[in-house]
C-alpha atoms as a PDB file:
ATOM      1  CA  UNK A   1      -2.906  22.312   1.416  1.00  0.00           C
ATOM      2  CA  UNK A   2      -1.203  23.907   4.369  1.00  0.00           C
ATOM      3  CA  UNK A   3      -3.132  26.801   5.865  1.00  0.00           C
ATOM      4  CA  UNK A   4      -2.683  29.410   7.198  1.00  0.00           C
ATOM      5  CA  UNK A   5       0.311  30.006   4.972  1.00  0.00           C
ATOM      6  CA  UNK A   6       3.563  31.740   5.866  1.00  0.00           C
ATOM      7  CA  UNK A   7       3.915  34.782   3.622  1.00  0.00           C
ATOM      8  CA  UNK A   8       6.442  37.572   3.160  1.00  0.00           C
ATOM      9  CA  UNK A   9       6.296  41.079   1.735  1.00  0.00           C
ATOM     10  CA  UNK A  10       8.525  42.323  -1.098  1.00  0.00           C
ATOM     11  CA  UNK A  11      10.680  44.277   1.387  1.00  0.00           C
ATOM     12  CA  UNK A  12      11.300  41.258   3.675  1.00  0.00           C
ATOM     13  CA  UNK A  13      15.042  40.776   4.065  1.00  0.00           C
ATOM     14  CA  UNK A  14      17.239  37.765   3.261  1.00  0.00           C
ATOM     15  CA  UNK A  15      17.948  36.709   6.852  1.00  0.00           C
ATOM     16  CA  UNK A  16      14.323  37.088   7.902  1.00  0.00           C
ATOM     17  CA  UNK A  17      13.264  34.758   5.071  1.00  0.00           C
ATOM     18  CA  UNK A  18      15.876  32.178   6.105  1.00  0.00           C
ATOM     19  CA  UNK A  19      14.636  32.377   9.701  1.00  0.00           C
ATOM     20  CA  UNK A  20      11.015  31.799   8.601  1.00  0.00           C
ATOM     21  CA  UNK A  21      11.939  28.739   6.545  1.00  0.00           C
ATOM     22  CA  UNK A  22      13.807  27.267   9.492  1.00  0.00           C
ATOM     23  CA  UNK A  23      11.112  28.115  12.042  1.00  0.00           C
ATOM     24  CA  UNK A  24       8.247  26.580  10.095  1.00  0.00           C
ATOM     25  CA  UNK A  25      10.275  23.799   8.447  1.00  0.00           C
ATOM     26  CA  UNK A  26       9.263  24.833   4.930  1.00  0.00           C
ATOM     27  CA  UNK A  27      11.220  25.183   1.698  1.00  0.00           C
ATOM     28  CA  UNK A  28       9.613  28.251   0.171  1.00  0.00           C
ATOM     29  CA  UNK A  29       7.294  31.182   0.822  1.00  0.00           C
ATOM     30  CA  UNK A  30       5.008  33.245  -1.393  1.00  0.00           C
ATOM     31  CA  UNK A  31       5.673  36.941  -1.754  1.00  0.00           C
ATOM     32  CA  UNK A  32       2.434  38.942  -1.587  1.00  0.00           C
ATOM     33  CA  UNK A  33       1.373  42.562  -1.970  1.00  0.00           C
ATOM     34  CA  UNK A  34      -0.505  44.618   0.604  1.00  0.00           C
ATOM     35  CA  UNK A  35      -3.785  42.919  -0.398  1.00  0.00           C
ATOM     36  CA  UNK A  36      -2.391  39.404  -0.027  1.00  0.00           C
ATOM     37  CA  UNK A  37      -2.231  38.718  -3.772  1.00  0.00           C
ATOM     38  CA  UNK A  38       0.788  36.745  -5.044  1.00  0.00           C
ATOM     39  CA  UNK A  39       3.774  38.472  -6.623  1.00  0.00           C
ATOM     40  CA  UNK A  40       6.313  35.647  -6.625  1.00  0.00           C
ATOM     41  CA  UNK A  41       7.903  32.777  -4.728  1.00  0.00           C
ATOM     42  CA  UNK A  42      11.142  32.667  -2.754  1.00  0.00           C
ATOM     43  CA  UNK A  43      12.539  29.154  -2.358  1.00  0.00           C
ATOM     44  CA  UNK A  44      15.591  27.628  -0.735  1.00  0.00           C
ATOM     45  CA  UNK A  45      17.102  27.417  -4.211  1.00  0.00           C
ATOM     46  CA  UNK A  46      16.807  31.199  -4.605  1.00  0.00           C
ATOM     47  CA  UNK A  47      18.498  31.721  -1.254  1.00  0.00           C
ATOM     48  CA  UNK A  48      21.279  29.249  -2.017  1.00  0.00           C
ATOM     49  CA  UNK A  49      21.909  30.957  -5.329  1.00  0.00           C
ATOM     50  CA  UNK A  50      22.704  34.152  -3.457  1.00  0.00           C
ATOM     51  CA  UNK A  51      24.956  32.238  -1.069  1.00  0.00           C
ATOM     52  CA  UNK A  52      26.759  30.553  -3.957  1.00  0.00           C
ATOM     53  CA  UNK A  53      27.493  33.961  -5.481  1.00  0.00           C
ATOM     54  CA  UNK A  54      29.686  34.893  -2.515  1.00  0.00           C
ATOM     55  CA  UNK A  55      33.377  35.280  -3.166  1.00  0.00           C
ATOM     56  CA  UNK A  56      35.331  32.068  -2.586  1.00  0.00           C
ATOM     57  CA  UNK A  57      39.070  32.354  -3.108  1.00  0.00           C
ATOM     58  CA  UNK A  58      39.553  28.599  -2.861  1.00  0.00           C
ATOM     59  CA  UNK A  59      37.096  27.705  -5.611  1.00  0.00           C
ATOM     60  CA  UNK A  60      37.888  27.442  -9.305  1.00  0.00           C
ATOM     61  CA  UNK A  61      34.212  27.517 -10.260  1.00  0.00           C
ATOM     62  CA  UNK A  62      32.858  30.879 -11.368  1.00  0.00           C
ATOM     63  CA  UNK A  63      30.058  32.288  -9.224  1.00  0.00           C
ATOM     64  CA  UNK A  64      26.554  31.966 -10.670  1.00  0.00           C
ATOM     65  CA  UNK A  65      24.319  34.904 -11.274  1.00  0.00           C
ATOM     66  CA  UNK A  66      22.442  36.016  -8.185  1.00  0.00           C
ATOM     67  CA  UNK A  67      20.208  38.746  -6.881  1.00  0.00           C
ATOM     68  CA  UNK A  68      21.953  42.087  -6.727  1.00  0.00           C
ATOM     69  CA  UNK A  69      21.758  43.902  -3.414  1.00  0.00           C
ATOM     70  CA  UNK A  70      19.973  47.219  -3.279  1.00  0.00           C
ATOM     71  CA  UNK A  71      21.685  50.569  -2.729  1.00  0.00           C
ATOM     72  CA  UNK A  72      21.886  49.934   1.006  1.00  0.00           C
ATOM     73  CA  UNK A  73      23.369  46.457   0.466  1.00  0.00           C
ATOM     74  CA  UNK A  74      20.170  44.637   1.468  1.00  0.00           C
ATOM     75  CA  UNK A  75      18.791  41.649  -0.440  1.00  0.00           C
ATOM     76  CA  UNK A  76      15.012  41.461  -0.191  1.00  0.00           C
ATOM     77  CA  UNK A  77      12.241  39.128  -1.249  1.00  0.00           C
ATOM     78  CA  UNK A  78      11.592  41.347  -4.249  1.00  0.00           C
ATOM     79  CA  UNK A  79      15.199  40.726  -5.373  1.00  0.00           C
ATOM     80  CA  UNK A  80      15.053  36.979  -4.750  1.00  0.00           C
ATOM     81  CA  UNK A  81      11.580  35.938  -5.886  1.00  0.00           C
ATOM     82  CA  UNK A  82      10.813  34.071  -9.086  1.00  0.00           C
ATOM     83  CA  UNK A  83       7.668  34.478 -11.141  1.00  0.00           C
ATOM     84  CA  UNK A  84       5.136  34.460 -12.640  1.00  0.00           C
ATOM     85  CA  UNK A  85       3.412  32.504  -9.905  1.00  0.00           C
ATOM     86  CA  UNK A  86       1.541  29.317 -10.855  1.00  0.00           C
ATOM     87  CA  UNK A  87      -1.510  29.209  -8.593  1.00  0.00           C
ATOM     88  CA  UNK A  88      -4.459  26.906  -7.973  1.00  0.00           C
ATOM     89  CA  UNK A  89      -7.827  27.094  -6.238  1.00  0.00           C
ATOM     90  CA  UNK A  90      -9.260  24.886  -3.459  1.00  0.00           C
ATOM     91  CA  UNK A  91     -11.291  22.965  -6.060  1.00  0.00           C
ATOM     92  CA  UNK A  92      -8.234  22.010  -8.152  1.00  0.00           C
ATOM     93  CA  UNK A  93      -7.848  18.236  -8.182  1.00  0.00           C
ATOM     94  CA  UNK A  94      -4.720  16.547  -6.883  1.00  0.00           C
ATOM     95  CA  UNK A  95      -4.030  15.189 -10.373  1.00  0.00           C
ATOM     96  CA  UNK A  96      -4.299  18.643 -11.966  1.00  0.00           C
ATOM     97  CA  UNK A  97      -2.010  20.126  -9.305  1.00  0.00           C
ATOM     98  CA  UNK A  98       0.601  17.415  -9.900  1.00  0.00           C
ATOM     99  CA  UNK A  99       0.487  18.035 -13.653  1.00  0.00           C
ATOM    100  CA  UNK A 100       0.963  21.766 -13.142  1.00  0.00           C
ATOM    101  CA  UNK A 101       4.013  21.139 -10.983  1.00  0.00           C
ATOM    102  CA  UNK A 102       5.512  18.819 -13.571  1.00  0.00           C
ATOM    103  CA  UNK A 103       4.739  21.069 -16.524  1.00  0.00           C
ATOM    104  CA  UNK A 104       6.198  24.200 -14.951  1.00  0.00           C
ATOM    105  CA  UNK A 105       8.961  22.574 -12.914  1.00  0.00           C
ATOM    106  CA  UNK A 106       7.814  23.995  -9.576  1.00  0.00           C
ATOM    107  CA  UNK A 107       7.680  22.368  -6.158  1.00  0.00           C
ATOM    108  CA  UNK A 108       4.845  24.324  -4.566  1.00  0.00           C
ATOM    109  CA  UNK A 109       1.619  26.027  -5.594  1.00  0.00           C
ATOM    110  CA  UNK A 110      -0.113  28.892  -3.761  1.00  0.00           C
ATOM    111  CA  UNK A 111      -3.844  28.342  -3.241  1.00  0.00           C
ATOM    112  CA  UNK A 112      -5.999  31.407  -3.896  1.00  0.00           C
ATOM    113  CA  UNK A 113      -9.401  32.262  -2.454  1.00  0.00           C
ATOM    114  CA  UNK A 114     -12.254  33.762  -4.484  1.00  0.00           C
ATOM    115  CA  UNK A 115     -10.665  37.218  -4.168  1.00  0.00           C
ATOM    116  CA  UNK A 116      -7.297  36.053  -5.521  1.00  0.00           C
ATOM    117  CA  UNK A 117      -5.540  36.186  -2.155  1.00  0.00           C
ATOM    118  CA  UNK A 118      -3.107  33.534  -0.976  1.00  0.00           C
ATOM    119  CA  UNK A 119      -4.579  31.526   1.878  1.00  0.00           C
ATOM    120  CA  UNK A 120      -2.857  28.165   1.470  1.00  0.00           C
ATOM    121  CA  UNK A 121       0.096  26.357  -0.053  1.00  0.00           C
ATOM    122  CA  UNK A 122       0.393  22.932  -1.654  1.00  0.00           C
ATOM    123  CA  UNK A 123       3.790  21.235  -1.876  1.00  0.00           C
ATOM    124  CA  UNK A 124       4.889  18.022  -3.545  1.00  0.00           C
ATOM    125  CA  UNK A 125       4.851  16.362  -0.138  1.00  0.00           C
ATOM    126  CA  UNK A 126       1.232  17.421   0.359  1.00  0.00           C
ATOM    127  CA  UNK A 127       0.250  15.765  -2.916  1.00  0.00           C
ATOM    128  CA  UNK A 128       2.065  12.548  -2.071  1.00  0.00           C
ATOM    129  CA  UNK A 129       0.320  12.303   1.296  1.00  0.00           C
ATOM    130  CA  UNK A 130      -2.953  11.420  -0.436  1.00  0.00           C
ATOM    131  CA  UNK A 131      -1.446   7.994  -1.143  1.00  0.00           C
ATOM    132  CA  UNK A 132      -1.463   7.340   2.590  1.00  0.00           C
ATOM    133  CA  UNK A 133      -5.275   7.119   2.595  1.00  0.00           C
ATOM    134  CA  UNK A 134      -6.548   3.856   4.025  1.00  0.00           C
ATOM    135  CA  UNK A 135      -7.793   1.244   1.568  1.00  0.00           C
ATOM    136  CA  UNK A 136     -11.183   1.046   3.263  1.00  0.00           C
ATOM    137  CA  UNK A 137     -11.665   4.807   2.824  1.00  0.00           C
ATOM    138  CA  UNK A 138     -10.784   4.588  -0.858  1.00  0.00           C
ATOM    139  CA  UNK A 139     -13.161   1.665  -1.363  1.00  0.00           C
ATOM    140  CA  UNK A 140     -16.004   3.452   0.388  1.00  0.00           C
ATOM    141  CA  UNK A 141     -15.569   6.525  -1.801  1.00  0.00           C
ATOM    142  CA  UNK A 142     -15.572   4.416  -4.971  1.00  0.00           C
ATOM    143  CA  UNK A 143     -18.697   2.475  -3.969  1.00  0.00           C
ATOM    144  CA  UNK A 144     -20.700   5.364  -2.553  1.00  0.00           C
ATOM    145  CA  UNK A 145     -19.570   8.358  -4.592  1.00  0.00           C
ATOM    146  CA  UNK A 146     -18.201   7.044  -7.892  1.00  0.00           C
ATOM    147  CA  UNK A 147     -20.365   4.042  -8.772  1.00  0.00           C
ATOM    148  CA  UNK A 148     -23.424   5.589  -7.188  1.00  0.00           C
ATOM    149  CA  UNK A 149     -23.355   8.626  -9.462  1.00  0.00           C
ATOM    150  CA  UNK A 150     -22.915   6.850 -12.809  1.00  0.00           C
ATOM    151  CA  UNK A 151     -26.383   6.503 -14.301  1.00  0.00           C
ATOM    152  CA  UNK A 152     -27.316   2.895 -14.991  1.00  0.00           C
ATOM    153  CA  UNK A 153     -24.514   1.382 -12.897  1.00  0.00           C
ATOM    154  CA  UNK A 154     -25.541  -0.611  -9.850  1.00  0.00           C
ATOM    155  CA  UNK A 155     -22.898  -0.632  -7.086  1.00  0.00           C
ATOM    156  CA  UNK A 156     -24.300  -4.005  -6.003  1.00  0.00           C
ATOM    157  CA  UNK A 157     -23.201  -5.548  -9.318  1.00  0.00           C
ATOM    158  CA  UNK A 158     -19.637  -4.192  -9.273  1.00  0.00           C
ATOM    159  CA  UNK A 159     -16.993  -5.751  -7.067  1.00  0.00           C
ATOM    160  CA  UNK A 160     -14.392  -3.349  -5.641  1.00  0.00           C
ATOM    161  CA  UNK A 161     -11.160  -4.592  -4.071  1.00  0.00           C
ATOM    162  CA  UNK A 162      -8.481  -2.187  -2.824  1.00  0.00           C
ATOM    163  CA  UNK A 163      -5.021  -3.249  -1.695  1.00  0.00           C
ATOM    164  CA  UNK A 164      -2.289  -0.672  -1.062  1.00  0.00           C
ATOM    165  CA  UNK A 165      -4.127   1.778  -3.279  1.00  0.00           C
ATOM    166  CA  UNK A 166      -4.415  -0.718  -6.146  1.00  0.00           C
ATOM    167  CA  UNK A 167      -8.048  -1.083  -7.199  1.00  0.00           C
ATOM    168  CA  UNK A 168      -9.524  -4.147  -8.924  1.00  0.00           C
ATOM    169  CA  UNK A 169     -13.001  -3.772 -10.447  1.00  0.00           C
ATOM    170  CA  UNK A 170     -15.072  -6.813 -11.387  1.00  0.00           C
ATOM    171  CA  UNK A 171     -18.700  -7.586 -12.118  1.00  0.00           C
ATOM    172  CA  UNK A 172     -20.999  -6.075 -14.723  1.00  0.00           C
ATOM    173  CA  UNK A 173     -22.217  -2.745 -16.030  1.00  0.00           C
ATOM    174  CA  UNK A 174     -25.231  -2.456 -18.344  1.00  0.00           C
ATOM    175  CA  UNK A 175     -23.488  -0.935 -21.389  1.00  0.00           C
ATOM    176  CA  UNK A 176     -19.939  -1.235 -22.835  1.00  0.00           C
ATOM    177  CA  UNK A 177     -19.469   2.544 -23.049  1.00  0.00           C
ATOM    178  CA  UNK A 178     -19.832   2.791 -19.257  1.00  0.00           C
ATOM    179  CA  UNK A 179     -16.666   0.749 -18.613  1.00  0.00           C
ATOM    180  CA  UNK A 180     -14.119   3.504 -19.489  1.00  0.00           C
ATOM    181  CA  UNK A 181     -16.240   6.065 -17.621  1.00  0.00           C
ATOM    182  CA  UNK A 182     -16.144   3.995 -14.430  1.00  0.00           C
ATOM    183  CA  UNK A 183     -12.413   3.319 -14.809  1.00  0.00           C
ATOM    184  CA  UNK A 184     -11.516   6.986 -15.299  1.00  0.00           C
ATOM    185  CA  UNK A 185     -13.630   8.103 -12.344  1.00  0.00           C
ATOM    186  CA  UNK A 186     -11.967   5.502 -10.106  1.00  0.00           C
ATOM    187  CA  UNK A 187      -8.501   6.617 -11.222  1.00  0.00           C
ATOM    188  CA  UNK A 188      -9.348  10.175 -10.154  1.00  0.00           C
ATOM    189  CA  UNK A 189     -10.045   9.149  -6.550  1.00  0.00           C
ATOM    190  CA  UNK A 190      -7.372  10.433  -4.172  1.00  0.00           C
ATOM    191  CA  UNK A 191      -5.003   7.675  -3.093  1.00  0.00           C
ATOM    192  CA  UNK A 192      -5.630   5.347  -6.039  1.00  0.00           C
ATOM    193  CA  UNK A 193      -2.347   4.032  -7.441  1.00  0.00           C
ATOM    194  CA  UNK A 194      -3.763   1.889 -10.262  1.00  0.00           C
ATOM    195  CA  UNK A 195      -7.046   0.426 -11.508  1.00  0.00           C
ATOM    196  CA  UNK A 196      -7.344  -3.105 -12.934  1.00  0.00           C
ATOM    197  CA  UNK A 197     -10.304  -3.678 -15.243  1.00  0.00           C
ATOM    198  CA  UNK A 198     -12.184  -6.968 -14.917  1.00  0.00           C
ATOM    199  CA  UNK A 199     -15.570  -5.505 -15.772  1.00  0.00           C
ATOM    200  CA  UNK A 200     -17.925  -6.907 -18.389  1.00  0.00           C
ATOM    201  CA  UNK A 201     -20.887  -5.300 -20.115  1.00  0.00           C
ATOM    202  CA  UNK A 202     -24.184  -7.100 -19.478  1.00  0.00           C
ATOM    203  CA  UNK A 203     -25.906  -6.196 -22.741  1.00  0.00           C
ATOM    204  CA  UNK A 204     -28.508  -8.974 -22.299  1.00  0.00           C
ATOM    205  CA  UNK A 205     -30.215  -7.432 -19.279  1.00  0.00           C
ATOM    206  CA  UNK A 206     -29.180 -10.153 -16.870  1.00  0.00           C
ATOM    207  CA  UNK A 207     -29.487 -13.078 -19.321  1.00  0.00           C
ATOM    208  CA  UNK A 208     -26.553 -14.710 -20.996  1.00  0.00           C
ATOM    209  CA  UNK A 209     -26.343 -14.963 -24.800  1.00  0.00           C
ATOM    210  CA  UNK A 210     -27.489 -18.608 -24.761  1.00  0.00           C
ATOM    211  CA  UNK A 211     -30.531 -17.771 -22.639  1.00  0.00           C
ATOM    212  CA  UNK A 212     -31.578 -14.803 -24.749  1.00  0.00           C
ATOM    213  CA  UNK A 213     -31.636 -16.389 -28.221  1.00  0.00           C
ATOM    214  CA  UNK A 214     -32.840 -19.808 -29.496  1.00  0.00           C
ATOM    215  CA  UNK A 215     -30.256 -22.432 -30.298  1.00  0.00           C
ATOM    216  CA  UNK A 216     -30.053 -24.338 -33.559  1.00  0.00           C
ATOM    217  CA  UNK A 217     -32.405 -27.064 -32.357  1.00  0.00           C
ATOM    218  CA  UNK A 218     -35.303 -24.644 -31.807  1.00  0.00           C
ATOM    219  CA  UNK A 219     -37.076 -23.139 -28.805  1.00  0.00           C
ATOM    220  CA  UNK A 220     -38.220 -25.501 -26.061  1.00  0.00           C
ATOM    221  CA  UNK A 221     -41.966 -26.073 -25.718  1.00  0.00           C
ATOM    222  CA  UNK A 222     -43.807 -26.530 -22.458  1.00  0.00           C
ATOM    223  CA  UNK A 223     -42.744 -30.168 -22.252  1.00  0.00           C
ATOM    224  CA  UNK A 224     -39.084 -29.334 -22.802  1.00  0.00           C
ATOM    225  CA  UNK A 225     -38.955 -30.761 -26.352  1.00  0.00           C
ATOM    226  CA  UNK A 226     -37.657 -28.490 -29.135  1.00  0.00           C
ATOM    227  CA  UNK A 227     -39.961 -27.396 -31.916  1.00  0.00           C
ATOM    228  CA  UNK A 228     -38.832 -26.794 -35.487  1.00  0.00           C
ATOM    229  CA  UNK A 229     -37.785 -28.562 -38.603  1.00  0.00           C
ATOM    230  CA  UNK A 230     -36.166 -31.872 -37.828  1.00  0.00           C
ATOM    231  CA  UNK A 231     -37.635 -31.872 -34.283  1.00  0.00           C
ATOM    232  CA  UNK A 232     -38.313 -35.016 -32.290  1.00  0.00           C
ATOM    233  CA  UNK A 233     -41.508 -36.250 -30.665  1.00  0.00           C
ATOM    234  CA  UNK A 234     -44.181 -33.555 -30.575  1.00  0.00           C
ATOM    235  CA  UNK A 235     -42.278 -31.336 -33.046  1.00  0.00           C
ATOM    236  CA  UNK A 236     -43.558 -29.797 -36.246  1.00  0.00           C
ATOM    237  CA  UNK A 237     -42.424 -30.440 -39.776  1.00  0.00           C
ATOM    238  CA  UNK A 238     -41.274 -27.878 -42.265  1.00  0.00           C
ATOM    239  CA  UNK A 239     -44.865 -27.461 -43.514  1.00  0.00           C
ATOM    240  CA  UNK A 240     -46.051 -26.630 -40.002  1.00  0.00           C
ATOM    241  CA  UNK A 241     -48.061 -29.866 -39.512  1.00  0.00           C
ATOM    242  CA  UNK A 242     -47.654 -31.883 -36.378  1.00  0.00           C
ATOM    243  CA  UNK A 243     -45.174 -34.669 -36.552  1.00  0.00           C
ATOM    244  CA  UNK A 244     -42.861 -36.614 -34.308  1.00  0.00           C
ATOM    245  CA  UNK A 245     -40.294 -38.894 -35.896  1.00  0.00           C
ATOM    246  CA  UNK A 246     -37.935 -40.782 -33.659  1.00  0.00           C
ATOM    247  CA  UNK A 247     -35.186 -40.502 -36.241  1.00  0.00           C
ATOM    248  CA  UNK A 248     -35.542 -36.733 -36.430  1.00  0.00           C
ATOM    249  CA  UNK A 249     -37.366 -36.552 -39.825  1.00  0.00           C
ATOM    250  CA  UNK A 250     -40.685 -34.722 -40.027  1.00  0.00           C
ATOM    251  CA  UNK A 251     -43.893 -36.794 -40.485  1.00  0.00           C
ATOM    252  CA  UNK A 252     -46.766 -35.559 -42.620  1.00  0.00           C
ATOM    253  CA  UNK A 253     -50.289 -35.529 -41.280  1.00  0.00           C
ATOM    254  CA  UNK A 254     -51.108 -38.724 -43.344  1.00  0.00           C
ATOM    255  CA  UNK A 255     -48.410 -40.761 -41.676  1.00  0.00           C
ATOM    256  CA  UNK A 256     -49.628 -43.083 -38.946  1.00  0.00           C
ATOM    257  CA  UNK A 257     -48.827 -42.107 -35.432  1.00  0.00           C
ATOM    258  CA  UNK A 258     -46.101 -44.182 -33.791  1.00  0.00           C
ATOM    259  CA  UNK A 259     -47.295 -47.127 -31.779  1.00  0.00           C
ATOM    260  CA  UNK A 260     -46.367 -46.898 -28.115  1.00  0.00           C
END
């Protein structure tokens, strides 16, 4: 936000408002009461509407509706302002502010303090400036503040690459349901343009599927030979007695041991 904010009172005149916009290079000002609480907004569009309503003998276009001057002929902020005012607080996220602007078709949002007084202003340009954050700053925030606060996720196991605001996440998280949580939190970081998901869920606690379960040939014994039905030398037959056929068939306990 921009703070301190340029403000006007309801009785502020047309020319004074124009002078303030030019002096501070802004496109609109909030209109506040004596306590600093918002009453409306006066924008360049409101001022131009009044200008367009002037008589023009050379124009065939009818004049648009505009603010009517008061009894003394003056046009004030109270005559020009539009409302109700859509406001935000300092804790409003950039994404929420952008959505409010789009939903209500406004270009600026007054920022209110805890007492409801205007003490800042956020414009569309202010919101877009967050995309100028350096990639290294974005990456540091994701690693230290996003990944570090998701329970069960180890920042050391998640790769984070940032290029022109585009984030690529790789590596592993312990549970599948954590993947969308991590992605959404990364998308909410100021300056992030997009997030590419290359994460996988390590549901085997660091072991791959083949390491965690026995294969079809049985579990290896201490000598590296599989045990189970149809096992080779040193294996056991289907009846549990020791055997060891070279051709893979189980030998009973009465069968002679192979000659070596």
